[in-house]
Amino acid sequence: YIRKEFQKLEETKGMKIYYPEPILCTDNAAMIAS
């Protein structure tokens, strides 16, 4: 739901919205290495 609502800003406000794939949203070590 949060992703969908933020995504609407691309159409209504001309913004660019990014978010990680689901496995990288919760705690993980790939993000710590990056």
All heavy atoms as atom14 arrays in JSON, in Angstrom:
{
  "sequence": "YIRKEFQKLEETKGMKIYYPEPILCTDNAAMIAS",
  "atom14_mask": [
    [1, 1, 1, 1, 1, 1, 1, 1, 1, 1, 1, 1, 0, 0],
    [1, 1, 1, 1, 1, 1, 1, 1, 0, 0, 0, 0, 0, 0],
    [1, 1, 1, 1, 1, 1, 1, 1, 1, 1, 1, 0, 0, 0],
    [1, 1, 1, 1, 1, 1, 1, 1, 1, 0, 0, 0, 0, 0],
    [1, 1, 1, 1, 1, 1, 1, 1, 1, 0, 0, 0, 0, 0],
    [1, 1, 1, 1, 1, 1, 1, 1, 1, 1, 1, 0, 0, 0],
    [1, 1, 1, 1, 1, 1, 1, 1, 1, 0, 0, 0, 0, 0],
    [1, 1, 1, 1, 1, 1, 1, 1, 1, 0, 0, 0, 0, 0],
    [1, 1, 1, 1, 1, 1, 1, 1, 0, 0, 0, 0, 0, 0],
    [1, 1, 1, 1, 1, 1, 1, 1, 1, 0, 0, 0, 0, 0],
    [1, 1, 1, 1, 1, 1, 1, 1, 1, 0, 0, 0, 0, 0],
    [1, 1, 1, 1, 1, 1, 1, 0, 0, 0, 0, 0, 0, 0],
    [1, 1, 1, 1, 1, 1, 1, 1, 1, 0, 0, 0, 0, 0],
    [1, 1, 1, 1, 0, 0, 0, 0, 0, 0, 0, 0, 0, 0],
    [1, 1, 1, 1, 1, 1, 1, 1, 0, 0, 0, 0, 0, 0],
    [1, 1, 1, 1, 1, 1, 1, 1, 1, 0, 0, 0, 0, 0],
    [1, 1, 1, 1, 1, 1, 1, 1, 0, 0, 0, 0, 0, 0],
    [1, 1, 1, 1, 1, 1, 1, 1, 1, 1, 1, 1, 0, 0],
    [1, 1, 1, 1, 1, 1, 1, 1, 1, 1, 1, 1, 0, 0],
    [1, 1, 1, 1, 1, 1, 1, 0, 0, 0, 0, 0, 0, 0],
    [1, 1, 1, 1, 1, 1, 1, 1, 1, 0, 0, 0, 0, 0],
    [1, 1, 1, 1, 1, 1, 1, 0, 0, 0, 0, 0, 0, 0],
    [1, 1, 1, 1, 1, 1, 1, 1, 0, 0, 0, 0, 0, 0],
    [1, 1, 1, 1, 1, 1, 1, 1, 0, 0, 0, 0, 0, 0],
    [1, 1, 1, 1, 1, 1, 0, 0, 0, 0, 0, 0, 0, 0],
    [1, 1, 1, 1, 1, 1, 1, 0, 0, 0, 0, 0, 0, 0],
    [1, 1, 1, 1, 1, 1, 1, 1, 0, 0, 0, 0, 0, 0],
    [1, 1, 1, 1, 1, 1, 1, 1, 0, 0, 0, 0, 0, 0],
    [1, 1, 1, 1, 1, 0, 0, 0, 0, 0, 0, 0, 0, 0],
    [1, 1, 1, 1, 1, 0, 0, 0, 0, 0, 0, 0, 0, 0],
    [1, 1, 1, 1, 1, 1, 1, 1, 0, 0, 0, 0, 0, 0],
    [1, 1, 1, 1, 1, 1, 1, 1, 0, 0, 0, 0, 0, 0],
    [1, 1, 1, 1, 1, 0, 0, 0, 0, 0, 0, 0, 0, 0],
    [1, 1, 1, 1, 1, 1, 0, 0, 0, 0, 0, 0, 0, 0]
  ],
  "atom14_positions": [
    [[0.83, -1.21, 0.0], [0.0, 0.0, 0.0], [0.86, 1.26, 0.0], [0.63, 2.19, -0.77], [-0.93, 0.01, 1.22], [-1.82, 1.23, 1.28], [-2.99, 1.3, 0.54], [-1.48, 2.33, 2.07], [-3.81, 2.42, 0.58], [-2.28, 3.46, 2.12], [-3.44, 3.5, 1.38], [-4.23, 4.62, 1.42], [0.0, 0.0, 0.0], [0.0, 0.0, 0.0]],
    [[1.88, 1.3, 0.86], [2.76, 2.47, 0.94], [3.48, 2.68, -0.39], [3.58, 3.79, -0.89], [3.75, 2.34, 2.11], [2.99, 2.46, 3.45], [4.86, 3.39, 2.03], [3.84, 2.23, 4.68], [0.0, 0.0, 0.0], [0.0, 0.0, 0.0], [0.0, 0.0, 0.0], [0.0, 0.0, 0.0], [0.0, 0.0, 0.0], [0.0, 0.0, 0.0]],
    [[3.95, 1.6, -0.99], [4.62, 1.71, -2.29], [3.67, 2.27, -3.35], [4.04, 3.15, -4.13], [5.12, 0.33, -2.74], [6.3, -0.18, -1.93], [6.82, -1.48, -2.48], [8.01, -1.89, -1.75], [8.97, -2.67, -2.26], [8.87, -3.11, -3.5], [10.02, -3.0, -1.54], [0.0, 0.0, 0.0], [0.0, 0.0, 0.0], [0.0, 0.0, 0.0]],
    [[2.45, 1.75, -3.35], [1.47, 2.18, -4.36], [1.16, 3.66, -4.22], [1.08, 4.4, -5.22], [0.19, 1.35, -4.21], [-0.97, 1.76, -5.13], [-2.09, 0.74, -5.07], [-2.74, 0.7, -3.7], [-3.67, 1.83, -3.45], [0.0, 0.0, 0.0], [0.0, 0.0, 0.0], [0.0, 0.0, 0.0], [0.0, 0.0, 0.0], [0.0, 0.0, 0.0]],
    [[0.99, 4.13, -2.97], [0.64, 5.53, -2.75], [1.82, 6.46, -3.11], [1.61, 7.54, -3.67], [0.21, 5.74, -1.29], [-1.12, 5.07, -0.93], [-2.26, 5.52, -1.82], [-2.52, 6.74, -1.88], [-2.88, 4.67, -2.48], [0.0, 0.0, 0.0], [0.0, 0.0, 0.0], [0.0, 0.0, 0.0], [0.0, 0.0, 0.0], [0.0, 0.0, 0.0]],
    [[3.03, 6.05, -2.77], [4.19, 6.86, -3.14], [4.38, 6.85, -4.66], [4.78, 7.86, -5.25], [5.46, 6.35, -2.45], [5.75, 7.06, -1.15], [5.26, 6.57, 0.05], [6.49, 8.22, -1.12], [5.5, 7.22, 1.25], [6.76, 8.88, 0.07], [6.26, 8.38, 1.26], [0.0, 0.0, 0.0], [0.0, 0.0, 0.0], [0.0, 0.0, 0.0]],
    [[4.1, 5.71, -5.29], [4.26, 5.6, -6.73], [3.38, 6.6, -7.48], [3.75, 7.08, -8.55], [3.92, 4.17, -7.18], [4.58, 3.76, -8.49], [6.07, 3.53, -8.34], [6.52, 2.82, -7.47], [6.84, 4.17, -9.21], [0.0, 0.0, 0.0], [0.0, 0.0, 0.0], [0.0, 0.0, 0.0], [0.0, 0.0, 0.0], [0.0, 0.0, 0.0]],
    [[2.25, 6.93, -6.89], [1.33, 7.89, -7.51], [1.98, 9.26, -7.69], [1.59, 10.04, -8.56], [0.05, 8.04, -6.68], [-0.86, 6.82, -6.71], [-2.07, 7.03, -5.81], [-2.97, 5.8, -5.77], [-4.11, 5.98, -4.83], [0.0, 0.0, 0.0], [0.0, 0.0, 0.0], [0.0, 0.0, 0.0], [0.0, 0.0, 0.0], [0.0, 0.0, 0.0]],
    [[2.99, 9.56, -6.85], [3.66, 10.85, -6.93], [4.42, 11.01, -8.25], [4.69, 12.13, -8.69], [4.62, 11.05, -5.75], [4.0, 11.03, -4.35], [5.08, 11.23, -3.3], [2.93, 12.1, -4.22], [0.0, 0.0, 0.0], [0.0, 0.0, 0.0], [0.0, 0.0, 0.0], [0.0, 0.0, 0.0], [0.0, 0.0, 0.0], [0.0, 0.0, 0.0]],
    [[4.78, 9.89, -8.87], [5.46, 9.98, -10.17], [4.52, 10.57, -11.21], [4.93, 11.35, -12.07], [5.95, 8.59, -10.6], [7.08, 8.07, -9.74], [7.84, 6.93, -10.37], [7.28, 6.22, -11.24], [9.01, 6.73, -9.99], [0.0, 0.0, 0.0], [0.0, 0.0, 0.0], [0.0, 0.0, 0.0], [0.0, 0.0, 0.0], [0.0, 0.0, 0.0]],
    [[3.24, 10.18, -11.12], [2.26, 10.67, -12.1], [1.75, 12.06, -11.75], [1.59, 12.92, -12.62], [1.07, 9.69, -12.17], [1.45, 8.28, -12.59], [0.32, 7.29, -12.38], [-0.82, 7.74, -12.14], [0.58, 6.08, -12.44], [0.0, 0.0, 0.0], [0.0, 0.0, 0.0], [0.0, 0.0, 0.0], [0.0, 0.0, 0.0], [0.0, 0.0, 0.0]],
    [[1.49, 12.29, -10.45], [0.85, 13.55, -10.05], [1.83, 14.68, -9.81], [1.49, 15.86, -9.98], [0.01, 13.34, -8.77], [0.87, 12.9, -7.7], [-1.08, 12.3, -9.0], [0.0, 0.0, 0.0], [0.0, 0.0, 0.0], [0.0, 0.0, 0.0], [0.0, 0.0, 0.0], [0.0, 0.0, 0.0], [0.0, 0.0, 0.0], [0.0, 0.0, 0.0]],
    [[3.07, 14.35, -9.41], [4.04, 15.4, -9.04], [5.32, 15.37, -9.88], [6.23, 16.16, -9.64], [4.42, 15.26, -7.55], [3.24, 15.32, -6.59], [2.64, 16.71, -6.52], [1.51, 16.78, -5.49], [0.9, 18.13, -5.43], [0.0, 0.0, 0.0], [0.0, 0.0, 0.0], [0.0, 0.0, 0.0], [0.0, 0.0, 0.0], [0.0, 0.0, 0.0]],
    [[5.4, 14.42, -10.81], [6.6, 14.33, -11.65], [7.83, 13.93, -10.88], [8.96, 14.28, -11.23], [0.0, 0.0, 0.0], [0.0, 0.0, 0.0], [0.0, 0.0, 0.0], [0.0, 0.0, 0.0], [0.0, 0.0, 0.0], [0.0, 0.0, 0.0], [0.0, 0.0, 0.0], [0.0, 0.0, 0.0], [0.0, 0.0, 0.0], [0.0, 0.0, 0.0]],
    [[7.65, 13.16, -9.8], [8.78, 12.74, -8.97], [9.27, 11.37, -9.39], [8.6, 10.66, -10.15], [8.36, 12.74, -7.5], [7.77, 14.07, -7.06], [7.44, 14.15, -5.3], [9.09, 14.4, -4.7], [0.0, 0.0, 0.0], [0.0, 0.0, 0.0], [0.0, 0.0, 0.0], [0.0, 0.0, 0.0], [0.0, 0.0, 0.0], [0.0, 0.0, 0.0]],
    [[10.45, 10.99, -8.88], [10.99, 9.65, -9.13], [11.05, 8.93, -7.8], [11.68, 9.42, -6.84], [12.38, 9.76, -9.76], [12.95, 8.42, -10.21], [12.13, 7.8, -11.32], [12.72, 6.44, -11.73], [11.84, 5.71, -12.64], [0.0, 0.0, 0.0], [0.0, 0.0, 0.0], [0.0, 0.0, 0.0], [0.0, 0.0, 0.0], [0.0, 0.0, 0.0]],
    [[10.39, 7.75, -7.7], [10.31, 7.0, -6.45], [11.08, 5.7, -6.59], [10.88, 4.94, -7.55], [8.85, 6.69, -6.07], [8.0, 7.97, -6.07], [8.79, 5.99, -4.71], [8.42, 9.03, -5.08], [0.0, 0.0, 0.0], [0.0, 0.0, 0.0], [0.0, 0.0, 0.0], [0.0, 0.0, 0.0], [0.0, 0.0, 0.0], [0.0, 0.0, 0.0]],
    [[11.97, 5.44, -5.63], [12.73, 4.19, -5.6], [12.42, 3.43, -4.31], [12.11, 4.03, -3.28], [14.24, 4.47, -5.63], [14.74, 5.1, -6.91], [14.89, 6.48, -7.02], [15.08, 4.3, -8.01], [15.37, 7.05, -8.2], [15.57, 4.87, -9.18], [15.69, 6.25, -9.27], [16.16, 6.8, -10.42], [0.0, 0.0, 0.0], [0.0, 0.0, 0.0]],
    [[12.51, 2.11, -4.39], [12.46, 1.28, -3.18], [13.16, -0.03, -3.49], [13.18, -0.49, -4.63], [11.03, 1.05, -2.69], [10.0, 0.8, -3.77], [9.91, -0.43, -4.42], [9.12, 1.82, -4.15], [8.98, -0.65, -5.41], [8.19, 1.61, -5.15], [8.11, 0.36, -5.77], [7.18, 0.15, -6.77], [0.0, 0.0, 0.0], [0.0, 0.0, 0.0]],
    [[13.75, -0.67, -2.47], [14.5, -1.9, -2.71], [13.56, -3.07, -2.99], [12.38, -3.03, -2.65], [15.27, -2.13, -1.4], [15.1, -0.87, -0.61], [13.82, -0.25, -1.06], [0.0, 0.0, 0.0], [0.0, 0.0, 0.0], [0.0, 0.0, 0.0], [0.0, 0.0, 0.0], [0.0, 0.0, 0.0], [0.0, 0.0, 0.0], [0.0, 0.0, 0.0]],
    [[14.11, -4.13, -3.58], [13.33, -5.36, -3.69], [13.05, -5.84, -2.26], [13.81, -5.55, -1.32], [14.08, -6.4, -4.5], [15.45, -6.77, -3.97], [16.19, -7.68, -4.94], [15.73, -8.81, -5.15], [17.23, -7.25, -5.47], [0.0, 0.0, 0.0], [0.0, 0.0, 0.0], [0.0, 0.0, 0.0], [0.0, 0.0, 0.0], [0.0, 0.0, 0.0]],
    [[11.94, -6.6, -2.06], [11.5, -6.95, -0.69], [12.57, -7.57, 0.21], [12.66, -7.23, 1.38], [10.35, -7.92, -0.94], [9.78, -7.47, -2.25], [10.96, -7.02, -3.07], [0.0, 0.0, 0.0], [0.0, 0.0, 0.0], [0.0, 0.0, 0.0], [0.0, 0.0, 0.0], [0.0, 0.0, 0.0], [0.0, 0.0, 0.0], [0.0, 0.0, 0.0]],
    [[13.41, -8.45, -0.33], [14.43, -9.12, 0.5], [15.44, -8.13, 1.06], [16.08, -8.38, 2.08], [15.15, -10.23, -0.32], [16.01, -11.12, 0.59], [16.0, -9.62, -1.43], [15.23, -11.97, 1.53], [0.0, 0.0, 0.0], [0.0, 0.0, 0.0], [0.0, 0.0, 0.0], [0.0, 0.0, 0.0], [0.0, 0.0, 0.0], [0.0, 0.0, 0.0]],
    [[15.57, -6.96, 0.4], [16.51, -5.94, 0.87], [15.85, -4.87, 1.73], [16.52, -3.95, 2.2], [17.2, -5.28, -0.33], [18.08, -6.19, -1.2], [18.59, -5.44, -2.41], [19.23, -6.76, -0.38], [0.0, 0.0, 0.0], [0.0, 0.0, 0.0], [0.0, 0.0, 0.0], [0.0, 0.0, 0.0], [0.0, 0.0, 0.0], [0.0, 0.0, 0.0]],
    [[14.53, -4.98, 1.94], [13.84, -4.03, 2.82], [14.04, -4.38, 4.29], [14.28, -3.52, 5.12], [12.34, -4.0, 2.49], [11.95, -3.27, 0.9], [0.0, 0.0, 0.0], [0.0, 0.0, 0.0], [0.0, 0.0, 0.0], [0.0, 0.0, 0.0], [0.0, 0.0, 0.0], [0.0, 0.0, 0.0], [0.0, 0.0, 0.0], [0.0, 0.0, 0.0]],
    [[13.9, -5.67, 4.6], [14.12, -6.11, 5.97], [15.62, -6.2, 6.23], [16.43, -6.04, 5.32], [13.45, -7.48, 6.21], [13.88, -8.39, 5.2], [11.94, -7.35, 6.14], [0.0, 0.0, 0.0], [0.0, 0.0, 0.0], [0.0, 0.0, 0.0], [0.0, 0.0, 0.0], [0.0, 0.0, 0.0], [0.0, 0.0, 0.0], [0.0, 0.0, 0.0]],
    [[16.0, -6.45, 7.47], [17.42, -6.46, 7.83], [18.18, -7.52, 7.03], [17.75, -8.68, 6.95], [17.59, -6.73, 9.33], [17.08, -5.57, 10.18], [16.8, -4.5, 9.62], [16.95, -5.76, 11.41], [0.0, 0.0, 0.0], [0.0, 0.0, 0.0], [0.0, 0.0, 0.0], [0.0, 0.0, 0.0], [0.0, 0.0, 0.0], [0.0, 0.0, 0.0]],
    [[19.29, -7.12, 6.45], [20.12, -8.02, 5.65], [21.55, -7.5, 5.65], [21.8, -6.36, 6.04], [19.56, -8.15, 4.23], [19.66, -6.84, 3.46], [20.66, -6.56, 2.81], [18.62, -6.0, 3.56], [0.0, 0.0, 0.0], [0.0, 0.0, 0.0], [0.0, 0.0, 0.0], [0.0, 0.0, 0.0], [0.0, 0.0, 0.0], [0.0, 0.0, 0.0]],
    [[22.47, -8.32, 5.21], [23.88, -7.91, 5.24], [24.35, -7.32, 3.93], [25.38, -6.65, 3.89], [24.75, -9.11, 5.63], [0.0, 0.0, 0.0], [0.0, 0.0, 0.0], [0.0, 0.0, 0.0], [0.0, 0.0, 0.0], [0.0, 0.0, 0.0], [0.0, 0.0, 0.0], [0.0, 0.0, 0.0], [0.0, 0.0, 0.0], [0.0, 0.0, 0.0]],
    [[23.61, -7.54, 2.83], [24.02, -6.96, 1.56], [24.01, -5.43, 1.66], [24.91, -4.75, 1.16], [23.09, -7.43, 0.44], [0.0, 0.0, 0.0], [0.0, 0.0, 0.0], [0.0, 0.0, 0.0], [0.0, 0.0, 0.0], [0.0, 0.0, 0.0], [0.0, 0.0, 0.0], [0.0, 0.0, 0.0], [0.0, 0.0, 0.0], [0.0, 0.0, 0.0]],
    [[23.01, -4.89, 2.34], [22.92, -3.44, 2.49], [24.07, -2.91, 3.35], [24.58, -1.8, 3.13], [21.58, -3.03, 3.1], [21.37, -3.44, 4.55], [19.71, -3.02, 5.14], [19.96, -3.16, 6.94], [0.0, 0.0, 0.0], [0.0, 0.0, 0.0], [0.0, 0.0, 0.0], [0.0, 0.0, 0.0], [0.0, 0.0, 0.0], [0.0, 0.0, 0.0]],
    [[24.52, -3.7, 4.32], [25.63, -3.31, 5.2], [26.95, -3.35, 4.41], [27.81, -2.49, 4.59], [25.7, -4.23, 6.44], [24.39, -4.14, 7.24], [26.9, -3.86, 7.32], [24.0, -2.74, 7.68], [0.0, 0.0, 0.0], [0.0, 0.0, 0.0], [0.0, 0.0, 0.0], [0.0, 0.0, 0.0], [0.0, 0.0, 0.0], [0.0, 0.0, 0.0]],
    [[27.07, -4.32, 3.53], [28.27, -4.39, 2.68], [28.28, -3.22, 1.7], [29.34, -2.63, 1.45], [28.29, -5.72, 1.93], [0.0, 0.0, 0.0], [0.0, 0.0, 0.0], [0.0, 0.0, 0.0], [0.0, 0.0, 0.0], [0.0, 0.0, 0.0], [0.0, 0.0, 0.0], [0.0, 0.0, 0.0], [0.0, 0.0, 0.0], [0.0, 0.0, 0.0]],
    [[27.11, -2.88, 1.15], [27.04, -1.76, 0.2], [27.41, -0.44, 0.88], [28.22, 0.33, 0.36], [25.64, -1.67, -0.4], [25.53, -0.55, -1.26], [0.0, 0.0, 0.0], [0.0, 0.0, 0.0], [0.0, 0.0, 0.0], [0.0, 0.0, 0.0], [0.0, 0.0, 0.0], [0.0, 0.0, 0.0], [0.0, 0.0, 0.0], [0.0, 0.0, 0.0]]
  ]
}
